[in-house]
Amino acid sequence: MAATNTTIVTDATDAMANSVLNVSMTNVTKLTPTNYLMWSLQVHALLDGYGLAGYLDGSVTTPAATLTTGDVITVNPAFTV
């Protein structure tokens, strides 16, 4: 049998899109019964800075779990993490 070598090159943006984001909450005031408004503004500003605010307000929609091409149904790579 002949040996074959296969190299898979992925785009850096694809790797970034599939990575898990670690958001540091160390600079956000701890939530207490009396400071919800200040805490909420800090959390929304933090998530907006990371481009994640759309997940809170619903402007980012969930992609379909499957893709259908003709009669073939496949898992949508944008749906999985």
PDB file of N, CA and C in Angstrom:
ATOM      1  N   MET A   1       0.827  -1.186   0.000  1.00  0.00           N
ATOM      2  CA  MET A   1       0.000   0.000   0.000  1.00  0.00           C
ATOM      3  C   MET A   1       0.872   1.250   0.000  1.00  0.00           C
ATOM      4  N   ALA A   2       0.408   2.242  -0.677  1.00  0.00           N
ATOM      5  CA  ALA A   2       1.135   3.506  -0.716  1.00  0.00           C
ATOM      6  C   ALA A   2       0.684   4.371   0.445  1.00  0.00           C
ATOM      7  N   ALA A   3       1.631   5.015   1.072  1.00  0.00           N
ATOM      8  CA  ALA A   3       1.315   5.909   2.185  1.00  0.00           C
ATOM      9  C   ALA A   3       1.025   7.295   1.635  1.00  0.00           C
ATOM     10  N   THR A   4       0.028   7.937   2.184  1.00  0.00           N
ATOM     11  CA  THR A   4      -0.294   9.294   1.763  1.00  0.00           C
ATOM     12  C   THR A   4      -0.280  10.199   2.976  1.00  0.00           C
ATOM     13  N   ASN A   5       0.174  11.401   2.778  1.00  0.00           N
ATOM     14  CA  ASN A   5       0.159  12.408   3.830  1.00  0.00           C
ATOM     15  C   ASN A   5      -0.878  13.451   3.464  1.00  0.00           C
ATOM     16  N   THR A   6      -1.700  13.788   4.412  1.00  0.00           N
ATOM     17  CA  THR A   6      -2.728  14.793   4.186  1.00  0.00           C
ATOM     18  C   THR A   6      -2.526  15.924   5.176  1.00  0.00           C
ATOM     19  N   THR A   7      -2.484  17.127   4.669  1.00  0.00           N
ATOM     20  CA  THR A   7      -2.353  18.297   5.518  1.00  0.00           C
ATOM     21  C   THR A   7      -3.645  19.085   5.435  1.00  0.00           C
ATOM     22  N   ILE A   8      -4.189  19.397   6.584  1.00  0.00           N
ATOM     23  CA  ILE A   8      -5.420  20.181   6.630  1.00  0.00           C
ATOM     24  C   ILE A   8      -5.066  21.567   7.148  1.00  0.00           C
ATOM     25  N   VAL A   9      -5.370  22.566   6.358  1.00  0.00           N
ATOM     26  CA  VAL A   9      -5.090  23.941   6.732  1.00  0.00           C
ATOM     27  C   VAL A   9      -6.423  24.618   6.996  1.00  0.00           C
ATOM     28  N   THR A  10      -6.546  25.213   8.166  1.00  0.00           N
ATOM     29  CA  THR A  10      -7.779  25.931   8.483  1.00  0.00           C
ATOM     30  C   THR A  10      -7.484  27.416   8.543  1.00  0.00           C
ATOM     31  N   ASP A  11      -8.455  28.183   8.207  1.00  0.00           N
ATOM     32  CA  ASP A  11      -8.336  29.626   8.273  1.00  0.00           C
ATOM     33  C   ASP A  11      -8.311  30.044   9.737  1.00  0.00           C
ATOM     34  N   ALA A  12      -7.517  31.039  10.076  1.00  0.00           N
ATOM     35  CA  ALA A  12      -7.408  31.496  11.463  1.00  0.00           C
ATOM     36  C   ALA A  12      -8.744  32.004  11.984  1.00  0.00           C
ATOM     37  N   THR A  13      -9.560  32.585  11.112  1.00  0.00           N
ATOM     38  CA  THR A  13     -10.858  33.078  11.565  1.00  0.00           C
ATOM     39  C   THR A  13     -11.790  31.929  11.920  1.00  0.00           C
ATOM     40  N   ASP A  14     -11.666  30.787  11.204  1.00  0.00           N
ATOM     41  CA  ASP A  14     -12.473  29.621  11.546  1.00  0.00           C
ATOM     42  C   ASP A  14     -12.079  29.088  12.915  1.00  0.00           C
ATOM     43  N   ALA A  15     -10.790  29.044  13.197  1.00  0.00           N
ATOM     44  CA  ALA A  15     -10.326  28.571  14.495  1.00  0.00           C
ATOM     45  C   ALA A  15     -10.803  29.504  15.597  1.00  0.00           C
ATOM     46  N   MET A  16     -10.803  30.797  15.327  1.00  0.00           N
ATOM     47  CA  MET A  16     -11.254  31.760  16.324  1.00  0.00           C
ATOM     48  C   MET A  16     -12.757  31.624  16.562  1.00  0.00           C
ATOM     49  N   ALA A  17     -13.520  31.373  15.517  1.00  0.00           N
ATOM     50  CA  ALA A  17     -14.968  31.250  15.647  1.00  0.00           C
ATOM     51  C   ALA A  17     -15.349  30.018  16.451  1.00  0.00           C
ATOM     52  N   ASN A  18     -14.535  28.972  16.403  1.00  0.00           N
ATOM     53  CA  ASN A  18     -14.849  27.744  17.112  1.00  0.00           C
ATOM     54  C   ASN A  18     -14.215  27.672  18.492  1.00  0.00           C
ATOM     55  N   SER A  19     -13.492  28.693  18.899  1.00  0.00           N
ATOM     56  CA  SER A  19     -12.848  28.658  20.202  1.00  0.00           C
ATOM     57  C   SER A  19     -13.815  29.141  21.283  1.00  0.00           C
ATOM     58  N   VAL A  20     -13.527  28.747  22.496  1.00  0.00           N
ATOM     59  CA  VAL A  20     -14.341  29.165  23.630  1.00  0.00           C
ATOM     60  C   VAL A  20     -13.770  30.470  24.159  1.00  0.00           C
ATOM     61  N   LEU A  21     -14.619  31.427  24.404  1.00  0.00           N
ATOM     62  CA  LEU A  21     -14.193  32.737  24.863  1.00  0.00           C
ATOM     63  C   LEU A  21     -14.212  32.777  26.379  1.00  0.00           C
ATOM     64  N   ASN A  22     -13.132  33.233  26.970  1.00  0.00           N
ATOM     65  CA  ASN A  22     -13.045  33.373  28.416  1.00  0.00           C
ATOM     66  C   ASN A  22     -13.217  34.847  28.753  1.00  0.00           C
ATOM     67  N   VAL A  23     -14.345  35.199  29.338  1.00  0.00           N
ATOM     68  CA  VAL A  23     -14.647  36.583  29.676  1.00  0.00           C
ATOM     69  C   VAL A  23     -14.314  36.804  31.143  1.00  0.00           C
ATOM     70  N   SER A  24     -13.473  37.797  31.402  1.00  0.00           N
ATOM     71  CA  SER A  24     -13.079  38.104  32.777  1.00  0.00           C
ATOM     72  C   SER A  24     -14.089  39.060  33.402  1.00  0.00           C
ATOM     73  N   MET A  25     -14.662  38.633  34.506  1.00  0.00           N
ATOM     74  CA  MET A  25     -15.644  39.455  35.214  1.00  0.00           C
ATOM     75  C   MET A  25     -15.028  40.097  36.461  1.00  0.00           C
ATOM     76  N   THR A  26     -13.689  40.139  36.553  1.00  0.00           N
ATOM     77  CA  THR A  26     -13.046  40.642  37.763  1.00  0.00           C
ATOM     78  C   THR A  26     -13.277  42.126  37.984  1.00  0.00           C
ATOM     79  N   ASN A  27     -13.498  42.898  36.929  1.00  0.00           N
ATOM     80  CA  ASN A  27     -13.711  44.338  37.079  1.00  0.00           C
ATOM     81  C   ASN A  27     -15.179  44.718  37.220  1.00  0.00           C
ATOM     82  N   VAL A  28     -16.062  43.745  37.247  1.00  0.00           N
ATOM     83  CA  VAL A  28     -17.494  44.011  37.372  1.00  0.00           C
ATOM     84  C   VAL A  28     -17.882  43.941  38.845  1.00  0.00           C
ATOM     85  N   THR A  29     -18.664  44.915  39.273  1.00  0.00           N
ATOM     86  CA  THR A  29     -19.141  44.958  40.647  1.00  0.00           C
ATOM     87  C   THR A  29     -19.982  43.726  40.945  1.00  0.00           C
ATOM     88  N   LYS A  30     -19.796  43.152  42.126  1.00  0.00           N
ATOM     89  CA  LYS A  30     -20.575  41.979  42.523  1.00  0.00           C
ATOM     90  C   LYS A  30     -22.043  42.379  42.685  1.00  0.00           C
ATOM     91  N   LEU A  31     -22.929  41.543  42.166  1.00  0.00           N
ATOM     92  CA  LEU A  31     -24.362  41.822  42.227  1.00  0.00           C
ATOM     93  C   LEU A  31     -24.877  41.650  43.648  1.00  0.00           C
ATOM     94  N   THR A  32     -25.579  42.666  44.118  1.00  0.00           N
ATOM     95  CA  THR A  32     -26.223  42.629  45.438  1.00  0.00           C
ATOM     96  C   THR A  32     -27.684  43.035  45.250  1.00  0.00           C
ATOM     97  N   PRO A  33     -28.507  42.904  46.285  1.00  0.00           N
ATOM     98  CA  PRO A  33     -29.918  43.290  46.146  1.00  0.00           C
ATOM     99  C   PRO A  33     -30.137  44.779  45.857  1.00  0.00           C
ATOM    100  N   THR A  34     -29.124  45.624  46.069  1.00  0.00           N
ATOM    101  CA  THR A  34     -29.325  47.067  45.908  1.00  0.00           C
ATOM    102  C   THR A  34     -28.605  47.690  44.715  1.00  0.00           C
ATOM    103  N   ASN A  35     -27.809  46.931  43.953  1.00  0.00           N
ATOM    104  CA  ASN A  35     -27.031  47.562  42.884  1.00  0.00           C
ATOM    105  C   ASN A  35     -27.286  46.953  41.505  1.00  0.00           C
ATOM    106  N   TYR A  36     -28.463  46.440  41.263  1.00  0.00           N
ATOM    107  CA  TYR A  36     -28.739  45.770  39.990  1.00  0.00           C
ATOM    108  C   TYR A  36     -28.498  46.682  38.791  1.00  0.00           C
ATOM    109  N   LEU A  37     -28.929  47.920  38.846  1.00  0.00           N
ATOM    110  CA  LEU A  37     -28.800  48.816  37.697  1.00  0.00           C
ATOM    111  C   LEU A  37     -27.332  49.022  37.317  1.00  0.00           C
ATOM    112  N   MET A  38     -26.483  49.310  38.298  1.00  0.00           N
ATOM    113  CA  MET A  38     -25.064  49.505  38.017  1.00  0.00           C
ATOM    114  C   MET A  38     -24.432  48.211  37.496  1.00  0.00           C
ATOM    115  N   TRP A  39     -24.754  47.088  38.123  1.00  0.00           N
ATOM    116  CA  TRP A  39     -24.217  45.790  37.705  1.00  0.00           C
ATOM    117  C   TRP A  39     -24.650  45.472  36.274  1.00  0.00           C
ATOM    118  N   SER A  40     -25.924  45.697  35.980  1.00  0.00           N
ATOM    119  CA  SER A  40     -26.457  45.408  34.654  1.00  0.00           C
ATOM    120  C   SER A  40     -25.756  46.241  33.579  1.00  0.00           C
ATOM    121  N   LEU A  41     -25.534  47.514  33.841  1.00  0.00           N
ATOM    122  CA  LEU A  41     -24.838  48.373  32.881  1.00  0.00           C
ATOM    123  C   LEU A  41     -23.410  47.892  32.647  1.00  0.00           C
ATOM    124  N   GLN A  42     -22.724  47.468  33.711  1.00  0.00           N
ATOM    125  CA  GLN A  42     -21.354  46.971  33.571  1.00  0.00           C
ATOM    126  C   GLN A  42     -21.310  45.674  32.764  1.00  0.00           C
ATOM    127  N   VAL A  43     -22.226  44.760  33.049  1.00  0.00           N
ATOM    128  CA  VAL A  43     -22.246  43.477  32.340  1.00  0.00           C
ATOM    129  C   VAL A  43     -22.591  43.690  30.867  1.00  0.00           C
ATOM    130  N   HIS A  44     -23.564  44.531  30.583  1.00  0.00           N
ATOM    131  CA  HIS A  44     -23.934  44.797  29.188  1.00  0.00           C
ATOM    132  C   HIS A  44     -22.786  45.470  28.437  1.00  0.00           C
ATOM    133  N   ALA A  45     -22.079  46.409  29.086  1.00  0.00           N
ATOM    134  CA  ALA A  45     -20.938  47.060  28.439  1.00  0.00           C
ATOM    135  C   ALA A  45     -19.820  46.057  28.175  1.00  0.00           C
ATOM    136  N   LEU A  46     -19.576  45.165  29.122  1.00  0.00           N
ATOM    137  CA  LEU A  46     -18.543  44.144  28.958  1.00  0.00           C
ATOM    138  C   LEU A  46     -18.883  43.209  27.799  1.00  0.00           C
ATOM    139  N   LEU A  47     -20.111  42.716  27.780  1.00  0.00           N
ATOM    140  CA  LEU A  47     -20.519  41.802  26.714  1.00  0.00           C
ATOM    141  C   LEU A  47     -20.571  42.503  25.360  1.00  0.00           C
ATOM    142  N   ASP A  48     -20.928  43.780  25.353  1.00  0.00           N
ATOM    143  CA  ASP A  48     -20.918  44.547  24.111  1.00  0.00           C
ATOM    144  C   ASP A  48     -19.492  44.685  23.594  1.00  0.00           C
ATOM    145  N   GLY A  49     -18.542  44.881  24.496  1.00  0.00           N
ATOM    146  CA  GLY A  49     -17.139  44.977  24.106  1.00  0.00           C
ATOM    147  C   GLY A  49     -16.615  43.702  23.482  1.00  0.00           C
ATOM    148  N   TYR A  50     -17.117  42.563  23.912  1.00  0.00           N
ATOM    149  CA  TYR A  50     -16.724  41.275  23.343  1.00  0.00           C
ATOM    150  C   TYR A  50     -17.591  40.880  22.143  1.00  0.00           C
ATOM    151  N   GLY A  51     -18.548  41.730  21.791  1.00  0.00           N
ATOM    152  CA  GLY A  51     -19.421  41.421  20.660  1.00  0.00           C
ATOM    153  C   GLY A  51     -20.471  40.372  20.984  1.00  0.00           C
ATOM    154  N   LEU A  52     -20.838  40.251  22.255  1.00  0.00           N
ATOM    155  CA  LEU A  52     -21.784  39.222  22.677  1.00  0.00           C
ATOM    156  C   LEU A  52     -23.131  39.781  23.127  1.00  0.00           C
ATOM    157  N   ALA A  53     -23.312  41.088  23.078  1.00  0.00           N
ATOM    158  CA  ALA A  53     -24.544  41.695  23.576  1.00  0.00           C
ATOM    159  C   ALA A  53     -25.769  41.227  22.798  1.00  0.00           C
ATOM    160  N   GLY A  54     -25.602  40.879  21.554  1.00  0.00           N
ATOM    161  CA  GLY A  54     -26.718  40.402  20.737  1.00  0.00           C
ATOM    162  C   GLY A  54     -27.354  39.139  21.269  1.00  0.00           C
ATOM    163  N   TYR A  55     -26.595  38.355  22.034  1.00  0.00           N
ATOM    164  CA  TYR A  55     -27.155  37.144  22.625  1.00  0.00           C
ATOM    165  C   TYR A  55     -28.081  37.479  23.794  1.00  0.00           C
ATOM    166  N   LEU A  56     -27.888  38.641  24.417  1.00  0.00           N
ATOM    167  CA  LEU A  56     -28.778  39.055  25.504  1.00  0.00           C
ATOM    168  C   LEU A  56     -30.057  39.687  24.981  1.00  0.00           C
ATOM    169  N   ASP A  57     -29.925  40.547  23.965  1.00  0.00           N
ATOM    170  CA  ASP A  57     -31.108  41.262  23.490  1.00  0.00           C
ATOM    171  C   ASP A  57     -31.865  40.535  22.381  1.00  0.00           C
ATOM    172  N   GLY A  58     -31.356  39.389  21.944  1.00  0.00           N
ATOM    173  CA  GLY A  58     -32.063  38.589  20.950  1.00  0.00           C
ATOM    174  C   GLY A  58     -31.804  38.978  19.510  1.00  0.00           C
ATOM    175  N   SER A  59     -30.904  39.933  19.259  1.00  0.00           N
ATOM    176  CA  SER A  59     -30.636  40.331  17.876  1.00  0.00           C
ATOM    177  C   SER A  59     -29.793  39.302  17.124  1.00  0.00           C
ATOM    178  N   VAL A  60     -29.096  38.416  17.845  1.00  0.00           N
ATOM    179  CA  VAL A  60     -28.357  37.320  17.216  1.00  0.00           C
ATOM    180  C   VAL A  60     -29.242  36.087  17.271  1.00  0.00           C
ATOM    181  N   THR A  61     -29.523  35.521  16.113  1.00  0.00           N
ATOM    182  CA  THR A  61     -30.391  34.346  16.070  1.00  0.00           C
ATOM    183  C   THR A  61     -29.557  33.072  16.050  1.00  0.00           C
ATOM    184  N   THR A  62     -30.125  32.004  16.549  1.00  0.00           N
ATOM    185  CA  THR A  62     -29.465  30.705  16.562  1.00  0.00           C
ATOM    186  C   THR A  62     -29.509  30.115  15.161  1.00  0.00           C
ATOM    187  N   PRO A  63     -28.362  29.629  14.649  1.00  0.00           N
ATOM    188  CA  PRO A  63     -28.390  29.001  13.325  1.00  0.00           C
ATOM    189  C   PRO A  63     -29.146  27.682  13.362  1.00  0.00           C
ATOM    190  N   ALA A  64     -29.600  27.239  12.216  1.00  0.00           N
ATOM    191  CA  ALA A  64     -30.320  25.962  12.127  1.00  0.00           C
ATOM    192  C   ALA A  64     -29.395  24.818  12.525  1.00  0.00           C
ATOM    193  N   ALA A  65     -29.941  23.800  13.175  1.00  0.00           N
ATOM    194  CA  ALA A  65     -29.142  22.661  13.630  1.00  0.00           C
ATOM    195  C   ALA A  65     -28.679  21.795  12.472  1.00  0.00           C
ATOM    196  N   THR A  66     -29.451  21.769  11.397  1.00  0.00           N
ATOM    197  CA  THR A  66     -29.089  20.945  10.237  1.00  0.00           C
ATOM    198  C   THR A  66     -29.208  21.756   8.958  1.00  0.00           C
ATOM    199  N   LEU A  67     -28.471  21.321   7.943  1.00  0.00           N
ATOM    200  CA  LEU A  67     -28.549  21.913   6.613  1.00  0.00           C
ATOM    201  C   LEU A  67     -29.081  20.862   5.656  1.00  0.00           C
ATOM    202  N   THR A  68     -29.982  21.254   4.788  1.00  0.00           N
ATOM    203  CA  THR A  68     -30.543  20.324   3.814  1.00  0.00           C
ATOM    204  C   THR A  68     -30.130  20.761   2.419  1.00  0.00           C
ATOM    205  N   THR A  69     -29.423  19.870   1.721  1.00  0.00           N
ATOM    206  CA  THR A  69     -29.018  20.107   0.343  1.00  0.00           C
ATOM    207  C   THR A  69     -29.593  18.976  -0.490  1.00  0.00           C
ATOM    208  N   GLY A  70     -30.590  19.292  -1.281  1.00  0.00           N
ATOM    209  CA  GLY A  70     -31.278  18.237  -2.028  1.00  0.00           C
ATOM    210  C   GLY A  70     -32.001  17.334  -1.046  1.00  0.00           C
ATOM    211  N   ASP A  71     -31.643  16.045  -1.035  1.00  0.00           N
ATOM    212  CA  ASP A  71     -32.234  15.090  -0.098  1.00  0.00           C
ATOM    213  C   ASP A  71     -31.290  14.744   1.043  1.00  0.00           C
ATOM    214  N   VAL A  72     -30.155  15.439   1.140  1.00  0.00           N
ATOM    215  CA  VAL A  72     -29.143  15.125   2.150  1.00  0.00           C
ATOM    216  C   VAL A  72     -29.243  16.116   3.303  1.00  0.00           C
ATOM    217  N   ILE A  73     -29.372  15.584   4.512  1.00  0.00           N
ATOM    218  CA  ILE A  73     -29.416  16.408   5.716  1.00  0.00           C
ATOM    219  C   ILE A  73     -28.095  16.225   6.449  1.00  0.00           C
ATOM    220  N   THR A  74     -27.402  17.344   6.712  1.00  0.00           N
ATOM    221  CA  THR A  74     -26.123  17.295   7.418  1.00  0.00           C
ATOM    222  C   THR A  74     -26.154  18.237   8.609  1.00  0.00           C
ATOM    223  N   VAL A  75     -25.254  18.005   9.546  1.00  0.00           N
ATOM    224  CA  VAL A  75     -25.141  18.865  10.722  1.00  0.00           C
ATOM    225  C   VAL A  75     -24.549  20.201  10.285  1.00  0.00           C
ATOM    226  N   ASN A  76     -25.137  21.283  10.751  1.00  0.00           N
ATOM    227  CA  ASN A  76     -24.659  22.621  10.436  1.00  0.00           C
ATOM    228  C   ASN A  76     -23.441  22.929  11.301  1.00  0.00           C
ATOM    229  N   PRO A  77     -22.255  23.141  10.707  1.00  0.00           N
ATOM    230  CA  PRO A  77     -21.069  23.429  11.514  1.00  0.00           C
ATOM    231  C   PRO A  77     -21.187  24.741  12.292  1.00  0.00           C
ATOM    232  N   ALA A  78     -22.013  25.668  11.840  1.00  0.00           N
ATOM    233  CA  ALA A  78     -22.206  26.923  12.564  1.00  0.00           C
ATOM    234  C   ALA A  78     -23.032  26.713  13.829  1.00  0.00           C
ATOM    235  N   PHE A  79     -23.754  25.587  13.918  1.00  0.00           N
ATOM    236  CA  PHE A  79     -24.597  25.306  15.082  1.00  0.00           C
ATOM    237  C   PHE A  79     -23.805  24.671  16.219  1.00  0.00           C
ATOM    238  N   THR A  80     -22.790  23.880  15.875  1.00  0.00           N
ATOM    239  CA  THR A  80     -22.010  23.180  16.893  1.00  0.00           C
ATOM    240  C   THR A  80     -20.854  24.038  17.362  1.00  0.00           C
ATOM    241  N   VAL A  81     -20.437  23.811  18.580  1.00  0.00           N
ATOM    242  CA  VAL A  81     -19.307  24.568  19.135  1.00  0.00           C
ATOM    243  C   VAL A  81     -18.051  23.792  18.916  1.00  0.00           C
TER     244      VAL A  81
END
